[in-house]
């Protein structure tokens, strides 16, 4: 039996989202996938820690 295909989530890129991405690229000097991981850790690390402690 064939697997069912999952629906593809399509992201609508708005001007606001583009601006946020540009600001992140400038603020964090993102050039690699590792840079992106570090940015996410920096931005979300405290929030995730608080959620785990709650």
C-alpha atoms as a PDB file:
ATOM      1  CA  UNK A   1       0.000   0.000   0.000  1.00  0.00           C
ATOM      2  CA  UNK A   2       1.331   3.438  -0.934  1.00  0.00           C
ATOM      3  CA  UNK A   3       1.973   6.032   1.740  1.00  0.00           C
ATOM      4  CA  UNK A   4      -0.363   8.994   1.900  1.00  0.00           C
ATOM      5  CA  UNK A   5       1.321  12.227   0.973  1.00  0.00           C
ATOM      6  CA  UNK A   6       1.302  14.900   3.633  1.00  0.00           C
ATOM      7  CA  UNK A   7      -0.140  18.227   2.546  1.00  0.00           C
ATOM      8  CA  UNK A   8       2.533  20.803   1.831  1.00  0.00           C
ATOM      9  CA  UNK A   9       2.408  23.869   4.045  1.00  0.00           C
ATOM     10  CA  UNK A  10       2.884  26.931   1.884  1.00  0.00           C
ATOM     11  CA  UNK A  11       4.233  30.016   3.579  1.00  0.00           C
ATOM     12  CA  UNK A  12       2.923  33.332   2.394  1.00  0.00           C
ATOM     13  CA  UNK A  13       5.861  35.727   2.245  1.00  0.00           C
ATOM     14  CA  UNK A  14       4.638  39.177   3.179  1.00  0.00           C
ATOM     15  CA  UNK A  15       6.562  42.440   3.142  1.00  0.00           C
ATOM     16  CA  UNK A  16       6.613  42.386   6.937  1.00  0.00           C
ATOM     17  CA  UNK A  17       8.197  38.937   6.984  1.00  0.00           C
ATOM     18  CA  UNK A  18      10.786  40.035   4.432  1.00  0.00           C
ATOM     19  CA  UNK A  19      11.695  43.005   6.611  1.00  0.00           C
ATOM     20  CA  UNK A  20      12.089  40.809   9.679  1.00  0.00           C
ATOM     21  CA  UNK A  21      14.342  38.419   7.769  1.00  0.00           C
ATOM     22  CA  UNK A  22      16.463  41.278   6.443  1.00  0.00           C
ATOM     23  CA  UNK A  23      16.842  42.700   9.955  1.00  0.00           C
ATOM     24  CA  UNK A  24      17.910  39.298  11.305  1.00  0.00           C
ATOM     25  CA  UNK A  25      20.431  38.871   8.487  1.00  0.00           C
ATOM     26  CA  UNK A  26      21.943  42.265   9.277  1.00  0.00           C
ATOM     27  CA  UNK A  27      21.836  41.975  13.081  1.00  0.00           C
ATOM     28  CA  UNK A  28      23.368  38.513  13.261  1.00  0.00           C
ATOM     29  CA  UNK A  29      25.491  38.513  10.069  1.00  0.00           C
ATOM     30  CA  UNK A  30      23.947  35.190   8.994  1.00  0.00           C
ATOM     31  CA  UNK A  31      25.909  33.336   6.338  1.00  0.00           C
ATOM     32  CA  UNK A  32      25.552  29.622   7.155  1.00  0.00           C
ATOM     33  CA  UNK A  33      23.024  27.145   8.492  1.00  0.00           C
ATOM     34  CA  UNK A  34      25.024  27.052  11.733  1.00  0.00           C
ATOM     35  CA  UNK A  35      24.579  30.826  12.024  1.00  0.00           C
ATOM     36  CA  UNK A  36      20.820  30.325  11.742  1.00  0.00           C
ATOM     37  CA  UNK A  37      20.894  27.697  14.491  1.00  0.00           C
ATOM     38  CA  UNK A  38      22.804  30.074  16.754  1.00  0.00           C
ATOM     39  CA  UNK A  39      20.333  32.874  16.063  1.00  0.00           C
ATOM     40  CA  UNK A  40      17.398  30.630  16.946  1.00  0.00           C
ATOM     41  CA  UNK A  41      19.124  29.538  20.152  1.00  0.00           C
ATOM     42  CA  UNK A  42      19.754  33.167  21.037  1.00  0.00           C
ATOM     43  CA  UNK A  43      16.222  34.308  20.262  1.00  0.00           C
ATOM     44  CA  UNK A  44      14.303  31.335  21.650  1.00  0.00           C
ATOM     45  CA  UNK A  45      16.633  29.902  24.274  1.00  0.00           C
ATOM     46  CA  UNK A  46      15.288  31.899  27.203  1.00  0.00           C
ATOM     47  CA  UNK A  47      11.677  31.292  26.222  1.00  0.00           C
ATOM     48  CA  UNK A  48      12.149  27.544  25.889  1.00  0.00           C
ATOM     49  CA  UNK A  49      14.007  27.400  29.214  1.00  0.00           C
ATOM     50  CA  UNK A  50      11.128  29.207  30.949  1.00  0.00           C
ATOM     51  CA  UNK A  51       8.613  26.839  29.387  1.00  0.00           C
ATOM     52  CA  UNK A  52      10.574  23.794  30.570  1.00  0.00           C
ATOM     53  CA  UNK A  53      10.787  25.186  34.117  1.00  0.00           C
ATOM     54  CA  UNK A  54       7.043  25.954  34.277  1.00  0.00           C
END
